[in-house]
Amino acid sequence: MKSPGYKKSWKTQNQYQLAYRRRMVDIRHIKQRYIKIVLIMVILGHTNFHFITDLPLLSDTKE
């Protein structure tokens, strides 16, 4: 009675570990993408900073 239950739990644990690893890999990929996007935004922000400050909405919020 004990052995089949143990095997079943081991299988489910293995599946959970695999899913966890996959999730970790996904998170890593998302982080890399997010960092790239942030870098691009920062670079664009530096080049377009004057245009952003000239926008009326931002100047209203500043005042």
N, C-alpha and C. Protein backbone atom coordinates (compact mmCIF):
# COMPACT_ATOMS: atom_id res chain seq x y z
N MET A 1 0.83 -1.21 0.00
CA MET A 1 0.00 0.00 0.00
C MET A 1 0.87 1.27 0.00
N LYS A 2 1.99 1.20 0.71
CA LYS A 2 2.82 2.40 0.86
C LYS A 2 3.53 2.75 -0.45
N SER A 3 4.13 1.76 -1.12
CA SER A 3 4.99 2.04 -2.27
C SER A 3 4.29 2.78 -3.41
N PRO A 4 3.06 2.36 -3.85
CA PRO A 4 2.43 3.10 -4.97
C PRO A 4 2.17 4.56 -4.63
N GLY A 5 1.72 4.82 -3.41
CA GLY A 5 1.48 6.20 -2.99
C GLY A 5 2.76 7.00 -3.01
N TYR A 6 3.84 6.39 -2.55
CA TYR A 6 5.13 7.07 -2.53
C TYR A 6 5.58 7.40 -3.96
N LYS A 7 5.41 6.42 -4.84
CA LYS A 7 5.79 6.64 -6.26
C LYS A 7 4.99 7.82 -6.83
N LYS A 8 3.69 7.82 -6.53
CA LYS A 8 2.81 8.87 -7.05
C LYS A 8 3.29 10.24 -6.56
N SER A 9 3.56 10.33 -5.25
CA SER A 9 4.00 11.61 -4.69
C SER A 9 5.33 12.03 -5.32
N TRP A 10 6.21 11.07 -5.54
CA TRP A 10 7.52 11.38 -6.15
C TRP A 10 7.32 11.94 -7.56
N LYS A 11 6.38 11.32 -8.31
CA LYS A 11 6.10 11.78 -9.67
C LYS A 11 5.58 13.21 -9.64
N THR A 12 4.63 13.48 -8.75
CA THR A 12 4.06 14.84 -8.67
C THR A 12 5.14 15.83 -8.27
N GLN A 13 6.01 15.44 -7.32
CA GLN A 13 7.10 16.33 -6.90
C GLN A 13 7.99 16.65 -8.09
N ASN A 14 8.31 15.63 -8.89
CA ASN A 14 9.15 15.83 -10.07
C ASN A 14 8.49 16.82 -11.03
N GLN A 15 7.18 16.64 -11.25
CA GLN A 15 6.44 17.54 -12.15
C GLN A 15 6.50 18.97 -11.62
N TYR A 16 6.32 19.12 -10.30
CA TYR A 16 6.36 20.46 -9.69
C TYR A 16 7.74 21.09 -9.89
N GLN A 17 8.80 20.26 -9.69
CA GLN A 17 10.16 20.77 -9.86
C GLN A 17 10.38 21.22 -11.31
N LEU A 18 9.91 20.42 -12.26
CA LEU A 18 10.07 20.77 -13.68
C LEU A 18 9.33 22.07 -13.99
N ALA A 19 8.09 22.17 -13.49
CA ALA A 19 7.31 23.39 -13.73
C ALA A 19 8.01 24.59 -13.10
N TYR A 20 8.56 24.40 -11.89
CA TYR A 20 9.25 25.49 -11.20
C TYR A 20 10.46 25.94 -12.01
N ARG A 21 11.23 24.97 -12.52
CA ARG A 21 12.41 25.30 -13.32
C ARG A 21 12.00 26.07 -14.57
N ARG A 22 10.94 25.60 -15.22
CA ARG A 22 10.46 26.29 -16.43
C ARG A 22 10.06 27.72 -16.10
N ARG A 23 9.37 27.87 -14.96
CA ARG A 23 8.93 29.20 -14.55
C ARG A 23 10.13 30.11 -14.29
N MET A 24 11.15 29.55 -13.62
CA MET A 24 12.36 30.33 -13.34
C MET A 24 13.00 30.78 -14.64
N VAL A 25 13.08 29.88 -15.63
CA VAL A 25 13.66 30.23 -16.93
C VAL A 25 12.84 31.34 -17.57
N ASP A 26 11.50 31.21 -17.51
CA ASP A 26 10.63 32.25 -18.08
C ASP A 26 10.90 33.59 -17.41
N ILE A 27 11.00 33.58 -16.08
CA ILE A 27 11.24 34.82 -15.33
C ILE A 27 12.56 35.43 -15.77
N ARG A 28 13.58 34.56 -15.96
CA ARG A 28 14.90 35.05 -16.38
C ARG A 28 14.78 35.74 -17.74
N HIS A 29 14.06 35.09 -18.67
CA HIS A 29 13.89 35.69 -20.00
C HIS A 29 13.15 37.01 -19.91
N ILE A 30 12.10 37.05 -19.10
CA ILE A 30 11.31 38.28 -18.94
C ILE A 30 12.19 39.38 -18.36
N LYS A 31 13.03 39.00 -17.36
CA LYS A 31 13.92 39.99 -16.74
C LYS A 31 14.87 40.56 -17.78
N GLN A 32 15.45 39.70 -18.61
CA GLN A 32 16.38 40.16 -19.65
C GLN A 32 15.67 41.12 -20.59
N ARG A 33 14.47 40.75 -21.00
CA ARG A 33 13.69 41.61 -21.90
C ARG A 33 13.38 42.94 -21.23
N TYR A 34 12.96 42.87 -19.95
CA TYR A 34 12.59 44.06 -19.19
C TYR A 34 13.79 45.01 -19.08
N ILE A 35 14.97 44.43 -18.79
CA ILE A 35 16.19 45.24 -18.67
C ILE A 35 16.49 45.93 -20.00
N LYS A 36 16.35 45.17 -21.11
CA LYS A 36 16.59 45.75 -22.45
C LYS A 36 15.63 46.90 -22.70
N ILE A 37 14.36 46.69 -22.39
CA ILE A 37 13.34 47.73 -22.61
C ILE A 37 13.67 48.96 -21.78
N VAL A 38 14.06 48.73 -20.51
CA VAL A 38 14.38 49.85 -19.62
C VAL A 38 15.58 50.63 -20.17
N LEU A 39 16.59 49.90 -20.64
CA LEU A 39 17.78 50.57 -21.20
C LEU A 39 17.38 51.42 -22.40
N ILE A 40 16.54 50.85 -23.29
CA ILE A 40 16.10 51.59 -24.48
C ILE A 40 15.31 52.83 -24.04
N MET A 41 14.43 52.66 -23.05
CA MET A 41 13.63 53.78 -22.56
C MET A 41 14.52 54.88 -21.98
N VAL A 42 15.56 54.46 -21.24
CA VAL A 42 16.47 55.43 -20.64
C VAL A 42 17.20 56.21 -21.74
N ILE A 43 17.68 55.45 -22.75
CA ILE A 43 18.41 56.10 -23.86
C ILE A 43 17.48 57.07 -24.58
N LEU A 44 16.25 56.61 -24.88
CA LEU A 44 15.29 57.48 -25.56
C LEU A 44 14.91 58.65 -24.67
N GLY A 45 14.78 58.37 -23.37
CA GLY A 45 14.44 59.43 -22.41
C GLY A 45 15.49 60.52 -22.41
N HIS A 46 16.78 60.13 -22.48
CA HIS A 46 17.85 61.12 -22.49
C HIS A 46 17.79 61.96 -23.76
N THR A 47 17.50 61.30 -24.90
CA THR A 47 17.46 62.04 -26.17
C THR A 47 16.20 62.88 -26.27
N ASN A 48 15.08 62.37 -25.75
CA ASN A 48 13.80 63.07 -25.87
C ASN A 48 13.39 63.80 -24.59
N PHE A 49 14.34 64.01 -23.69
CA PHE A 49 14.01 64.62 -22.40
C PHE A 49 13.42 66.02 -22.58
N HIS A 50 14.00 66.81 -23.48
CA HIS A 50 13.54 68.18 -23.70
C HIS A 50 12.11 68.19 -24.23
N PHE A 51 11.80 67.24 -25.14
CA PHE A 51 10.45 67.16 -25.68
C PHE A 51 9.45 66.80 -24.57
N ILE A 52 9.87 65.88 -23.68
CA ILE A 52 8.98 65.44 -22.60
C ILE A 52 8.71 66.61 -21.65
N THR A 53 9.74 67.39 -21.31
CA THR A 53 9.57 68.51 -20.38
C THR A 53 8.72 69.61 -21.02
N ASP A 54 8.75 69.71 -22.35
CA ASP A 54 7.98 70.74 -23.05
C ASP A 54 6.49 70.39 -23.12
N LEU A 55 6.14 69.11 -22.86
CA LEU A 55 4.73 68.72 -22.92
C LEU A 55 3.93 69.46 -21.85
N PRO A 56 2.73 69.95 -22.19
CA PRO A 56 1.94 70.74 -21.24
C PRO A 56 1.49 69.93 -20.02
N LEU A 57 1.15 68.64 -20.21
CA LEU A 57 0.64 67.82 -19.10
C LEU A 57 1.67 67.71 -17.98
N LEU A 58 2.92 67.44 -18.36
CA LEU A 58 3.96 67.26 -17.34
C LEU A 58 4.27 68.58 -16.64
N SER A 59 4.26 69.68 -17.41
CA SER A 59 4.55 70.98 -16.80
C SER A 59 3.43 71.35 -15.81
N ASP A 60 2.18 70.97 -16.14
CA ASP A 60 1.06 71.22 -15.23
C ASP A 60 1.23 70.44 -13.93
N THR A 61 1.65 69.17 -14.05
CA THR A 61 1.81 68.35 -12.85
C THR A 61 2.97 68.88 -12.00
N LYS A 62 4.02 69.39 -12.65
CA LYS A 62 5.17 69.92 -11.92
C LYS A 62 4.76 71.15 -11.11
N GLU A 63 4.00 72.03 -11.74
CA GLU A 63 3.55 73.25 -11.05
C GLU A 63 2.45 72.89 -10.07
